[in-house]
């Protein structure tokens, strides 16, 4: 059983040092792993003669392992504590990175990449669970945002700095370095992070058994509260991930007519927007919480901003201010992070691992489906020819906004609809 943390509230410096910092570093490492293949892809193709399909599949192996492990990890976090579990999983990431550095075939690379994905899969949810354990409910949105802001730094480091390191050490050397950094992340979690807090609602005999943990997960998945928040949070954040990590680049080159270098600069600009968005969402929610305004209302406001920010891309706008709209897409699209502390507060900190991991699973399912759907629509409209016409992007992105709007309206109407349903 995890050692119980002290019952008295932690000071702000202790929260930053022992809750935010180790999980911030862990999520930073996981995001570098997630994005680094884009920087080293030319080297992988040249050295191992990889096809486009092979490169795409081995890169996606990270996400497949990531998604498959979310619900089990949520139960492990609630059972053993986030620091112990995620610290152990970073050993798997280190092993995967070392195997990747030694791989000679596409299949070996794919298996190693999947092992990395498994090792990094809980990095963010572990941080959210630690925040739920130790931060006051009114401050959870802020501390979650601080942990998640590491993803923006990871995006930046996985671009130009990773390319420079690959030029100096080769792509294999990059993964040896990442293996070492993964070990450091594990050590920081074990040595620095606060242990799990004992919760009054979690009895040692019942709530800690895996049968009870699974039963609690089913309660989360059957809850109307979960299904009110989850569609809007997942369709907002998942759509933003799908656009930023794959389809924004082709839009810049095919619709805006940017060069590859100019498109890369725009993607870096969006990475800054991602970083700013996580922090702004958290700070705004934190400030408004002091005035009695809940994080869900803040999420609704940013969700509206996100849908508005997508409209210029739908209409093919490439004039003055284009960069600002694309900066707002990741900034406002990160508002889904505010659903995590709301769920943790509703279900209790002792169930935060399960409630947050269930939502995170939905986010990445949406991201995968959105990326796939956009590709299908682009190919259907263009006949598979490049460059893709603006009409193809308009239809694909427009469909995303429509389902986001439906989720927004569902959030507003669900309590009334349930009341009508129940008579």
Foldseek 3Di string as FASTA:
>chain_A
DWDADDPDADDPVLCCFAQQVLLLLLLLLLLLLLQLCVLQVVVCCVQQVDDPVLSVQLSCLLVVLLLVCLQVQLLVCLQFNLLLVLLVLLLQLLVLLLQCLVDRHSVSSSVSSNSNSNSSNCSLLSSLLSCLQHPDLLQSLQSSLSSQLSSLVSNLCSHVVSNVVCVVQNPSVSSNVSSVSSNVSSVCSVPRHDIGHDDPVADPPACNDVVNSVVLLVCLVPDPVLVLLQLLLQLLLLLLCLCLSPPQLLLCCFLLVDDNVVSVVLSNLLSVLLSQQSNVLSVVSSVVVVVVDHSVVSLLVLLVQLLVLLVCLLVSDNDPPVSVSSSSNNNSSNSSSSVLSVQCVVSDSSSSSSNNSVSVSSNSVSNVVLNVQLVVQQCVVVVNDPPGDSNSSNVSSVVSSVSSVVSSVCSVCVVVVVVVVVD
